[in-house]
């Protein structure tokens, strides 16, 4: 029975990941490959810097107060130039098998 709960939690995590906006997936993605071998640990610090332009055209807004729908309307067109984002992370990794790791980034 415990194995069924484990697989259900993995399945729920995967489904949850499919419905998250793509923006949230860009930064937490790890490296394309790793050099950690089986049963090794890795602790480190990661730094991310991005610079982008954002543009909103023909948008709408929805307002909720205390979780209750309040109002909605059309948003004003908006452009943000040179939006800079700096982030720092603590990274913890564990090698499951050679050249494959599971990591947590906080």
N, C-alpha and C. Protein backbone atom coordinates (compact mmCIF):
# COMPACT_ATOMS: atom_id res chain seq x y z
N UNK A 1 0.82 -1.19 0.00
CA UNK A 1 0.00 0.00 0.00
C UNK A 1 0.86 1.25 0.00
N UNK A 2 1.99 1.24 0.69
CA UNK A 2 2.87 2.39 0.72
C UNK A 2 3.43 2.69 -0.66
N UNK A 3 3.70 1.66 -1.45
CA UNK A 3 4.21 1.85 -2.81
C UNK A 3 3.19 2.59 -3.66
N UNK A 4 1.91 2.27 -3.49
CA UNK A 4 0.85 2.94 -4.24
C UNK A 4 0.79 4.43 -3.92
N UNK A 5 0.98 4.78 -2.63
CA UNK A 5 0.98 6.19 -2.25
C UNK A 5 2.20 6.91 -2.84
N UNK A 6 3.32 6.22 -2.89
CA UNK A 6 4.53 6.82 -3.47
C UNK A 6 4.30 7.14 -4.94
N UNK A 7 3.79 6.17 -5.69
CA UNK A 7 3.54 6.40 -7.12
C UNK A 7 2.46 7.45 -7.35
N UNK A 8 1.47 7.50 -6.47
CA UNK A 8 0.43 8.52 -6.58
C UNK A 8 1.00 9.91 -6.35
N UNK A 9 1.91 10.05 -5.39
CA UNK A 9 2.53 11.36 -5.15
C UNK A 9 3.42 11.78 -6.31
N UNK A 10 4.13 10.83 -6.93
CA UNK A 10 4.94 11.14 -8.11
C UNK A 10 4.03 11.57 -9.26
N UNK A 11 2.96 10.84 -9.48
CA UNK A 11 2.01 11.18 -10.55
C UNK A 11 1.39 12.55 -10.32
N UNK A 12 1.01 12.85 -9.08
CA UNK A 12 0.42 14.16 -8.76
C UNK A 12 1.43 15.28 -9.00
N UNK A 13 2.69 15.06 -8.66
CA UNK A 13 3.73 16.07 -8.89
C UNK A 13 3.92 16.34 -10.38
N UNK A 14 3.90 15.30 -11.17
CA UNK A 14 4.06 15.46 -12.62
C UNK A 14 2.88 16.22 -13.21
N UNK A 15 1.67 15.85 -12.83
CA UNK A 15 0.47 16.54 -13.31
C UNK A 15 0.49 18.00 -12.88
N UNK A 16 0.87 18.26 -11.63
CA UNK A 16 0.95 19.64 -11.14
C UNK A 16 1.95 20.43 -11.98
N UNK A 17 3.07 19.82 -12.35
CA UNK A 17 4.07 20.49 -13.17
C UNK A 17 3.58 20.86 -14.55
N UNK A 18 2.67 20.05 -15.11
CA UNK A 18 2.14 20.36 -16.44
C UNK A 18 1.27 21.61 -16.44
N UNK A 19 0.63 21.92 -15.30
CA UNK A 19 -0.29 23.04 -15.25
C UNK A 19 0.35 24.32 -14.71
N UNK A 20 1.63 24.30 -14.40
CA UNK A 20 2.31 25.51 -13.95
C UNK A 20 2.71 26.35 -15.16
N UNK A 21 2.69 27.66 -15.02
CA UNK A 21 3.13 28.49 -16.14
C UNK A 21 4.59 28.20 -16.50
N UNK A 22 4.90 28.33 -17.75
CA UNK A 22 6.25 28.04 -18.23
C UNK A 22 7.29 28.96 -17.59
N UNK A 23 6.89 30.13 -17.18
CA UNK A 23 7.82 31.07 -16.58
C UNK A 23 8.46 30.49 -15.34
N UNK A 24 7.70 29.75 -14.54
CA UNK A 24 8.24 29.18 -13.32
C UNK A 24 9.24 28.07 -13.59
N UNK A 25 9.21 27.47 -14.76
CA UNK A 25 10.10 26.36 -15.08
C UNK A 25 11.45 26.83 -15.61
N UNK A 26 11.55 28.05 -16.06
CA UNK A 26 12.79 28.51 -16.67
C UNK A 26 13.93 28.62 -15.66
N UNK A 27 13.67 29.20 -14.51
CA UNK A 27 14.73 29.43 -13.55
C UNK A 27 15.12 28.22 -12.74
N UNK A 28 14.20 27.39 -12.24
CA UNK A 28 14.59 26.27 -11.40
C UNK A 28 15.20 25.08 -12.13
N UNK A 29 15.21 25.12 -13.45
CA UNK A 29 15.78 23.98 -14.18
C UNK A 29 17.26 23.85 -13.85
N UNK A 30 17.70 22.67 -13.69
CA UNK A 30 19.09 22.41 -13.34
C UNK A 30 19.97 22.33 -14.57
N UNK A 31 21.21 21.94 -14.38
CA UNK A 31 22.13 21.81 -15.51
C UNK A 31 21.72 20.66 -16.42
N UNK A 32 22.11 20.71 -17.70
CA UNK A 32 21.73 19.64 -18.63
C UNK A 32 22.42 18.31 -18.34
N UNK A 33 23.52 18.36 -17.64
CA UNK A 33 24.24 17.13 -17.29
C UNK A 33 24.91 17.34 -15.94
N UNK A 34 25.28 16.24 -15.31
CA UNK A 34 25.93 16.33 -14.01
C UNK A 34 27.13 15.40 -13.97
N UNK A 35 28.05 15.68 -13.09
CA UNK A 35 29.22 14.81 -12.94
C UNK A 35 29.20 14.07 -11.61
N UNK A 36 28.08 14.09 -10.92
CA UNK A 36 27.96 13.37 -9.66
C UNK A 36 27.82 11.87 -9.93
N UNK A 37 28.51 11.09 -9.14
CA UNK A 37 28.40 9.65 -9.26
C UNK A 37 27.40 9.13 -8.21
N UNK A 38 27.10 7.86 -8.28
CA UNK A 38 26.10 7.23 -7.43
C UNK A 38 26.43 7.45 -5.94
N UNK A 39 25.40 7.83 -5.17
CA UNK A 39 25.45 8.02 -3.72
C UNK A 39 26.39 9.14 -3.28
N UNK A 40 26.65 10.12 -4.12
CA UNK A 40 27.43 11.29 -3.74
C UNK A 40 26.48 12.45 -3.48
N UNK A 41 26.90 13.36 -2.61
CA UNK A 41 26.13 14.55 -2.30
C UNK A 41 26.83 15.77 -2.89
N UNK A 42 26.04 16.80 -3.18
CA UNK A 42 26.59 18.05 -3.67
C UNK A 42 25.85 19.19 -3.00
N UNK A 43 26.59 20.15 -2.48
CA UNK A 43 26.01 21.35 -1.87
C UNK A 43 26.68 22.54 -2.54
N UNK A 44 25.90 23.53 -2.92
CA UNK A 44 26.48 24.68 -3.58
C UNK A 44 25.56 25.89 -3.57
N UNK A 45 26.04 26.94 -4.17
CA UNK A 45 25.30 28.19 -4.29
C UNK A 45 25.19 28.51 -5.77
N UNK A 46 23.98 28.86 -6.22
CA UNK A 46 23.75 29.23 -7.62
C UNK A 46 23.31 30.68 -7.67
N UNK A 47 23.68 31.36 -8.75
CA UNK A 47 23.29 32.74 -8.96
C UNK A 47 22.70 32.86 -10.36
N UNK A 48 21.61 33.59 -10.48
CA UNK A 48 20.94 33.77 -11.76
C UNK A 48 20.71 35.25 -12.01
N UNK A 49 21.03 35.71 -13.21
CA UNK A 49 20.77 37.09 -13.61
C UNK A 49 20.06 37.08 -14.96
N UNK A 50 19.00 37.85 -15.08
CA UNK A 50 18.33 37.96 -16.37
C UNK A 50 17.94 39.42 -16.62
N UNK A 51 17.88 39.76 -17.89
CA UNK A 51 17.51 41.10 -18.32
C UNK A 51 16.56 40.93 -19.50
N UNK A 52 15.34 41.48 -19.39
CA UNK A 52 14.36 41.26 -20.45
C UNK A 52 13.43 42.45 -20.59
N UNK A 53 12.72 42.49 -21.71
CA UNK A 53 11.66 43.45 -21.96
C UNK A 53 10.34 42.70 -21.93
N UNK A 54 9.35 43.25 -21.23
CA UNK A 54 8.03 42.65 -21.15
C UNK A 54 7.01 43.59 -21.77
N UNK A 55 6.04 43.00 -22.46
CA UNK A 55 5.01 43.80 -23.11
C UNK A 55 3.64 43.14 -22.89
N UNK A 56 2.66 43.94 -22.48
CA UNK A 56 1.29 43.46 -22.28
C UNK A 56 0.39 44.18 -23.27
N UNK A 57 -0.28 43.41 -24.13
CA UNK A 57 -1.22 43.96 -25.11
C UNK A 57 -2.57 43.26 -24.97
N UNK A 58 -3.63 44.02 -24.99
CA UNK A 58 -4.99 43.49 -24.95
C UNK A 58 -5.21 42.56 -23.75
N UNK A 59 -4.76 42.96 -22.59
CA UNK A 59 -4.89 42.12 -21.41
C UNK A 59 -6.15 42.43 -20.62
N UNK A 60 -6.44 41.59 -19.66
CA UNK A 60 -7.55 41.80 -18.75
C UNK A 60 -7.05 41.62 -17.33
N UNK A 61 -7.76 42.18 -16.38
CA UNK A 61 -7.41 42.00 -14.98
C UNK A 61 -8.63 41.50 -14.21
N UNK A 62 -8.36 40.74 -13.17
CA UNK A 62 -9.40 40.20 -12.30
C UNK A 62 -8.96 40.48 -10.86
N UNK A 63 -9.87 40.99 -10.06
CA UNK A 63 -9.55 41.33 -8.68
C UNK A 63 -10.35 40.46 -7.73
N UNK A 64 -9.65 39.87 -6.76
CA UNK A 64 -10.27 39.08 -5.71
C UNK A 64 -9.97 39.73 -4.37
N UNK A 65 -10.96 39.83 -3.51
CA UNK A 65 -10.77 40.32 -2.15
C UNK A 65 -11.11 39.20 -1.19
N UNK A 66 -10.15 38.78 -0.40
CA UNK A 66 -10.31 37.66 0.54
C UNK A 66 -10.82 36.40 -0.15
N UNK A 67 -10.32 36.16 -1.38
CA UNK A 67 -10.68 34.95 -2.11
C UNK A 67 -12.02 35.00 -2.80
N UNK A 68 -12.70 36.14 -2.76
CA UNK A 68 -14.01 36.29 -3.40
C UNK A 68 -13.89 37.23 -4.59
N UNK A 69 -14.47 36.83 -5.70
CA UNK A 69 -14.42 37.65 -6.91
C UNK A 69 -15.01 39.03 -6.62
N UNK A 70 -14.29 40.09 -7.04
CA UNK A 70 -14.73 41.45 -6.77
C UNK A 70 -15.04 42.22 -8.05
N UNK A 71 -14.10 42.23 -9.00
CA UNK A 71 -14.29 43.03 -10.21
C UNK A 71 -13.33 42.54 -11.30
N UNK A 72 -13.57 42.97 -12.55
CA UNK A 72 -12.68 42.64 -13.65
C UNK A 72 -12.78 43.75 -14.69
N UNK A 73 -11.82 43.78 -15.62
CA UNK A 73 -11.85 44.80 -16.67
C UNK A 73 -10.69 44.62 -17.63
N UNK A 74 -10.56 45.54 -18.56
CA UNK A 74 -9.47 45.49 -19.54
C UNK A 74 -8.25 46.22 -18.99
N UNK A 75 -7.10 45.64 -19.17
CA UNK A 75 -5.86 46.23 -18.69
C UNK A 75 -5.31 47.20 -19.73
N UNK A 76 -4.63 48.22 -19.25
CA UNK A 76 -3.97 49.19 -20.12
C UNK A 76 -2.73 48.53 -20.71
N UNK A 77 -2.46 48.78 -22.00
CA UNK A 77 -1.25 48.24 -22.62
C UNK A 77 -0.04 48.76 -21.86
N UNK A 78 0.94 47.88 -21.64
CA UNK A 78 2.07 48.20 -20.78
C UNK A 78 3.35 47.62 -21.37
N UNK A 79 4.43 48.37 -21.28
CA UNK A 79 5.75 47.88 -21.72
C UNK A 79 6.77 48.16 -20.62
N UNK A 80 7.50 47.14 -20.22
CA UNK A 80 8.60 47.29 -19.26
C UNK A 80 9.91 47.07 -20.00
N UNK A 81 10.77 48.04 -20.00
CA UNK A 81 12.06 47.94 -20.69
C UNK A 81 13.16 47.61 -19.67
N UNK A 82 14.05 46.74 -20.06
CA UNK A 82 15.23 46.39 -19.26
C UNK A 82 14.89 45.97 -17.84
N UNK A 83 13.96 45.04 -17.71
CA UNK A 83 13.63 44.48 -16.41
C UNK A 83 14.76 43.54 -15.99
N UNK A 84 15.40 43.83 -14.89
CA UNK A 84 16.54 43.03 -14.42
C UNK A 84 16.12 42.23 -13.19
N UNK A 85 16.47 40.95 -13.19
CA UNK A 85 16.15 40.07 -12.08
C UNK A 85 17.42 39.35 -11.64
N UNK A 86 17.76 39.45 -10.36
CA UNK A 86 18.91 38.76 -9.78
C UNK A 86 18.39 37.82 -8.70
N UNK A 87 18.83 36.57 -8.74
CA UNK A 87 18.39 35.57 -7.76
C UNK A 87 19.58 34.75 -7.28
N UNK A 88 19.53 34.40 -5.99
CA UNK A 88 20.52 33.51 -5.41
C UNK A 88 19.84 32.28 -4.85
N UNK A 89 20.49 31.13 -4.97
CA UNK A 89 19.90 29.86 -4.53
C UNK A 89 20.92 29.04 -3.75
N UNK A 90 20.41 28.27 -2.80
CA UNK A 90 21.19 27.21 -2.17
C UNK A 90 20.80 25.92 -2.89
N UNK A 91 21.78 25.13 -3.31
CA UNK A 91 21.54 23.95 -4.12
C UNK A 91 22.04 22.71 -3.38
N UNK A 92 21.17 21.72 -3.23
CA UNK A 92 21.51 20.45 -2.60
C UNK A 92 21.22 19.34 -3.60
N UNK A 93 22.21 18.49 -3.88
CA UNK A 93 22.02 17.42 -4.85
C UNK A 93 22.47 16.08 -4.32
N UNK A 94 21.88 15.01 -4.88
CA UNK A 94 22.24 13.64 -4.51
C UNK A 94 22.25 12.79 -5.77
N UNK A 95 23.32 12.02 -5.96
CA UNK A 95 23.44 11.16 -7.13
C UNK A 95 22.66 9.87 -6.97
N UNK A 96 21.65 9.67 -7.80
CA UNK A 96 20.86 8.44 -7.76
C UNK A 96 21.64 7.30 -8.40
N UNK A 97 22.10 7.53 -9.60
CA UNK A 97 23.00 6.62 -10.31
C UNK A 97 24.08 7.49 -10.93
N UNK A 98 25.07 6.89 -11.54
CA UNK A 98 26.14 7.68 -12.16
C UNK A 98 25.56 8.65 -13.18
N UNK A 99 25.99 9.91 -13.09
CA UNK A 99 25.60 10.99 -14.00
C UNK A 99 24.10 11.29 -13.99
N UNK A 100 23.43 11.02 -12.88
CA UNK A 100 22.02 11.38 -12.74
C UNK A 100 21.78 11.79 -11.29
N UNK A 101 21.27 12.99 -11.09
CA UNK A 101 21.07 13.48 -9.73
C UNK A 101 19.66 14.02 -9.52
N UNK A 102 19.28 14.05 -8.26
CA UNK A 102 18.06 14.73 -7.82
C UNK A 102 18.54 15.90 -7.00
N UNK A 103 17.96 17.09 -7.23
CA UNK A 103 18.43 18.25 -6.49
C UNK A 103 17.28 19.09 -5.98
N UNK A 104 17.56 19.88 -4.98
CA UNK A 104 16.62 20.81 -4.40
C UNK A 104 17.28 22.18 -4.42
N UNK A 105 16.57 23.15 -4.92
CA UNK A 105 17.09 24.51 -5.00
C UNK A 105 16.18 25.43 -4.19
N UNK A 106 16.75 26.07 -3.18
CA UNK A 106 15.99 26.99 -2.31
C UNK A 106 16.50 28.41 -2.51
